């Protein structure tokens, strides 16, 4: 197998993954705006508290958009998070989308997992 065939095959797999991610993101946009609507976050909540009140499907949507559209997802994510009342997440999602070649890293999902499980357990142990 020649190197050009290998690169063509890799590009084909990557393009397929991007198209699937974009399709899933479009389905999730519809689902989020139909089911989730506005999320009630305490006034003045920071990034971690906002993530703790955010459903997983929202952060998955932001990561899928980042994977499919790279830096072009920044304004779309900004509008989605603004409409859902998740203003504390906008900056991180835009920085994540603006940094090139970070699409495979699901930053918002990883942040959500840390905020939900690691930091919440640490808060529970500190309160004991």
C-alpha atoms as a PDB file:
ATOM      1  CA  UNK A   1       0.000   0.000   0.000  1.00  0.00           C
ATOM      2  CA  UNK A   2       1.414   3.352  -0.999  1.00  0.00           C
ATOM      3  CA  UNK A   3       1.522   6.335   1.326  1.00  0.00           C
ATOM      4  CA  UNK A   4      -0.953   8.268  -0.841  1.00  0.00           C
ATOM      5  CA  UNK A   5      -3.475   5.415  -0.571  1.00  0.00           C
ATOM      6  CA  UNK A   6      -2.982   5.327   3.184  1.00  0.00           C
ATOM      7  CA  UNK A   7      -3.515   9.088   3.503  1.00  0.00           C
ATOM      8  CA  UNK A   8      -6.596   8.905   1.277  1.00  0.00           C
ATOM      9  CA  UNK A   9      -8.034   6.135   3.455  1.00  0.00           C
ATOM     10  CA  UNK A  10      -7.341   8.073   6.654  1.00  0.00           C
ATOM     11  CA  UNK A  11      -8.942  11.199   5.173  1.00  0.00           C
ATOM     12  CA  UNK A  12     -11.995   9.205   4.133  1.00  0.00           C
ATOM     13  CA  UNK A  13     -12.448   7.793   7.647  1.00  0.00           C
ATOM     14  CA  UNK A  14     -11.991  11.228   9.196  1.00  0.00           C
ATOM     15  CA  UNK A  15     -14.490  12.821   6.784  1.00  0.00           C
ATOM     16  CA  UNK A  16     -16.997  10.070   7.540  1.00  0.00           C
ATOM     17  CA  UNK A  17     -16.588  10.637  11.283  1.00  0.00           C
ATOM     18  CA  UNK A  18     -17.072  14.391  10.825  1.00  0.00           C
ATOM     19  CA  UNK A  19     -20.257  13.895   8.785  1.00  0.00           C
ATOM     20  CA  UNK A  20     -21.655  11.488  11.383  1.00  0.00           C
ATOM     21  CA  UNK A  21     -20.800  13.938  14.180  1.00  0.00           C
ATOM     22  CA  UNK A  22     -22.481  16.774  12.284  1.00  0.00           C
ATOM     23  CA  UNK A  23     -25.607  14.684  11.737  1.00  0.00           C
ATOM     24  CA  UNK A  24     -25.752  13.742  15.408  1.00  0.00           C
ATOM     25  CA  UNK A  25     -25.185  17.373  16.401  1.00  0.00           C
ATOM     26  CA  UNK A  26     -28.101  18.502  14.244  1.00  0.00           C
ATOM     27  CA  UNK A  27     -30.340  15.882  15.865  1.00  0.00           C
ATOM     28  CA  UNK A  28     -29.179  16.970  19.309  1.00  0.00           C
ATOM     29  CA  UNK A  29     -29.855  20.640  18.521  1.00  0.00           C
ATOM     30  CA  UNK A  30     -33.441  19.715  17.728  1.00  0.00           C
ATOM     31  CA  UNK A  31     -33.710  17.535  20.866  1.00  0.00           C
ATOM     32  CA  UNK A  32     -32.128  20.102  23.176  1.00  0.00           C
ATOM     33  CA  UNK A  33     -34.327  22.956  22.044  1.00  0.00           C
ATOM     34  CA  UNK A  34     -37.426  20.771  22.115  1.00  0.00           C
ATOM     35  CA  UNK A  35     -36.845  19.007  25.452  1.00  0.00           C
ATOM     36  CA  UNK A  36     -34.363  20.967  27.536  1.00  0.00           C
ATOM     37  CA  UNK A  37     -35.349  24.557  26.731  1.00  0.00           C
ATOM     38  CA  UNK A  38     -34.078  26.820  29.521  1.00  0.00           C
ATOM     39  CA  UNK A  39     -31.881  25.441  32.269  1.00  0.00           C
ATOM     40  CA  UNK A  40     -32.238  26.959  35.717  1.00  0.00           C
ATOM     41  CA  UNK A  41     -28.803  27.922  36.984  1.00  0.00           C
ATOM     42  CA  UNK A  42     -28.297  29.980  40.164  1.00  0.00           C
ATOM     43  CA  UNK A  43     -27.593  33.662  39.567  1.00  0.00           C
ATOM     44  CA  UNK A  44     -23.870  34.413  39.450  1.00  0.00           C
ATOM     45  CA  UNK A  45     -22.919  30.736  39.007  1.00  0.00           C
ATOM     46  CA  UNK A  46     -19.396  30.056  37.844  1.00  0.00           C
ATOM     47  CA  UNK A  47     -18.246  27.531  35.239  1.00  0.00           C
ATOM     48  CA  UNK A  48     -18.279  24.517  37.583  1.00  0.00           C
ATOM     49  CA  UNK A  49     -21.670  25.237  39.161  1.00  0.00           C
ATOM     50  CA  UNK A  50     -23.167  25.840  35.719  1.00  0.00           C
ATOM     51  CA  UNK A  51     -21.770  22.524  34.480  1.00  0.00           C
ATOM     52  CA  UNK A  52     -23.276  20.760  37.490  1.00  0.00           C
ATOM     53  CA  UNK A  53     -26.728  22.040  36.461  1.00  0.00           C
ATOM     54  CA  UNK A  54     -26.259  21.241  32.762  1.00  0.00           C
ATOM     55  CA  UNK A  55     -27.665  18.033  31.260  1.00  0.00           C
ATOM     56  CA  UNK A  56     -25.118  15.771  29.581  1.00  0.00           C
ATOM     57  CA  UNK A  57     -26.823  16.059  26.204  1.00  0.00           C
ATOM     58  CA  UNK A  58     -25.932  19.777  26.048  1.00  0.00           C
ATOM     59  CA  UNK A  59     -22.193  19.281  26.576  1.00  0.00           C
ATOM     60  CA  UNK A  60     -22.248  16.368  24.145  1.00  0.00           C
ATOM     61  CA  UNK A  61     -23.853  18.666  21.574  1.00  0.00           C
ATOM     62  CA  UNK A  62     -21.138  21.309  22.036  1.00  0.00           C
ATOM     63  CA  UNK A  63     -18.375  18.698  21.675  1.00  0.00           C
ATOM     64  CA  UNK A  64     -19.965  17.183  18.555  1.00  0.00           C
ATOM     65  CA  UNK A  65     -20.214  20.633  16.998  1.00  0.00           C
ATOM     66  CA  UNK A  66     -16.564  21.283  17.836  1.00  0.00           C
ATOM     67  CA  UNK A  67     -15.537  17.975  16.288  1.00  0.00           C
ATOM     68  CA  UNK A  68     -17.584  18.468  13.134  1.00  0.00           C
ATOM     69  CA  UNK A  69     -17.020  22.166  12.493  1.00  0.00           C
ATOM     70  CA  UNK A  70     -13.758  22.978  14.326  1.00  0.00           C
ATOM     71  CA  UNK A  71     -13.404  26.760  14.779  1.00  0.00           C
ATOM     72  CA  UNK A  72     -16.658  27.393  12.899  1.00  0.00           C
ATOM     73  CA  UNK A  73     -18.553  25.906  15.844  1.00  0.00           C
ATOM     74  CA  UNK A  74     -17.631  28.814  18.144  1.00  0.00           C
ATOM     75  CA  UNK A  75     -20.444  31.209  17.150  1.00  0.00           C
ATOM     76  CA  UNK A  76     -22.986  28.394  16.978  1.00  0.00           C
ATOM     77  CA  UNK A  77     -22.043  27.142  20.451  1.00  0.00           C
ATOM     78  CA  UNK A  78     -22.157  30.720  21.758  1.00  0.00           C
ATOM     79  CA  UNK A  79     -25.748  31.177  20.539  1.00  0.00           C
ATOM     80  CA  UNK A  80     -26.909  27.765  21.786  1.00  0.00           C
ATOM     81  CA  UNK A  81     -25.435  28.290  25.260  1.00  0.00           C
ATOM     82  CA  UNK A  82     -26.822  31.828  25.407  1.00  0.00           C
ATOM     83  CA  UNK A  83     -30.349  30.659  24.471  1.00  0.00           C
ATOM     84  CA  UNK A  84     -30.199  27.918  27.115  1.00  0.00           C
ATOM     85  CA  UNK A  85     -29.103  30.383  29.811  1.00  0.00           C
ATOM     86  CA  UNK A  86     -25.641  28.822  30.207  1.00  0.00           C
ATOM     87  CA  UNK A  87     -23.609  31.993  29.831  1.00  0.00           C
ATOM     88  CA  UNK A  88     -20.796  30.776  32.096  1.00  0.00           C
ATOM     89  CA  UNK A  89     -19.983  28.000  29.605  1.00  0.00           C
ATOM     90  CA  UNK A  90     -19.712  30.229  26.542  1.00  0.00           C
ATOM     91  CA  UNK A  91     -16.120  31.358  27.063  1.00  0.00           C
ATOM     92  CA  UNK A  92     -14.703  27.887  27.562  1.00  0.00           C
ATOM     93  CA  UNK A  93     -16.565  26.466  24.578  1.00  0.00           C
ATOM     94  CA  UNK A  94     -15.358  29.295  22.337  1.00  0.00           C
ATOM     95  CA  UNK A  95     -11.735  28.900  23.463  1.00  0.00           C
ATOM     96  CA  UNK A  96     -12.012  25.140  22.948  1.00  0.00           C
ATOM     97  CA  UNK A  97     -13.370  25.665  19.442  1.00  0.00           C
ATOM     98  CA  UNK A  98     -10.861  28.393  18.581  1.00  0.00           C
ATOM     99  CA  UNK A  99      -7.771  26.301  19.336  1.00  0.00           C
ATOM    100  CA  UNK A 100      -6.944  24.443  16.124  1.00  0.00           C
ATOM    101  CA  UNK A 101      -6.566  20.653  15.940  1.00  0.00           C
ATOM    102  CA  UNK A 102      -8.277  19.964  19.273  1.00  0.00           C
ATOM    103  CA  UNK A 103     -11.446  18.502  17.767  1.00  0.00           C
ATOM    104  CA  UNK A 104     -10.859  14.921  18.966  1.00  0.00           C
ATOM    105  CA  UNK A 105     -10.608  16.115  22.589  1.00  0.00           C
ATOM    106  CA  UNK A 106     -14.115  16.351  24.097  1.00  0.00           C
ATOM    107  CA  UNK A 107     -13.241  19.202  26.466  1.00  0.00           C
ATOM    108  CA  UNK A 108     -16.774  20.061  27.562  1.00  0.00           C
ATOM    109  CA  UNK A 109     -17.631  16.408  28.221  1.00  0.00           C
ATOM    110  CA  UNK A 110     -14.467  15.905  30.268  1.00  0.00           C
ATOM    111  CA  UNK A 111     -15.174  19.119  32.187  1.00  0.00           C
ATOM    112  CA  UNK A 112     -18.750  17.974  32.822  1.00  0.00           C
ATOM    113  CA  UNK A 113     -17.539  14.619  34.181  1.00  0.00           C
ATOM    114  CA  UNK A 114     -15.052  16.324  36.507  1.00  0.00           C
ATOM    115  CA  UNK A 115     -17.642  18.863  37.702  1.00  0.00           C
ATOM    116  CA  UNK A 116     -20.322  16.227  38.205  1.00  0.00           C
ATOM    117  CA  UNK A 117     -18.362  13.441  39.833  1.00  0.00           C
ATOM    118  CA  UNK A 118     -14.975  14.609  41.090  1.00  0.00           C
ATOM    119  CA  UNK A 119     -15.787  18.108  42.340  1.00  0.00           C
ATOM    120  CA  UNK A 120     -19.253  17.211  43.644  1.00  0.00           C
ATOM    121  CA  UNK A 121     -17.776  14.332  45.678  1.00  0.00           C
ATOM    122  CA  UNK A 122     -15.043  16.639  46.958  1.00  0.00           C
ATOM    123  CA  UNK A 123     -17.709  19.170  48.018  1.00  0.00           C
ATOM    124  CA  UNK A 124     -19.644  16.409  49.778  1.00  0.00           C
ATOM    125  CA  UNK A 125     -16.568  15.232  51.681  1.00  0.00           C
ATOM    126  CA  UNK A 126     -15.629  18.795  52.649  1.00  0.00           C
ATOM    127  CA  UNK A 127     -19.110  19.346  54.084  1.00  0.00           C
ATOM    128  CA  UNK A 128     -18.952  16.202  56.271  1.00  0.00           C
END
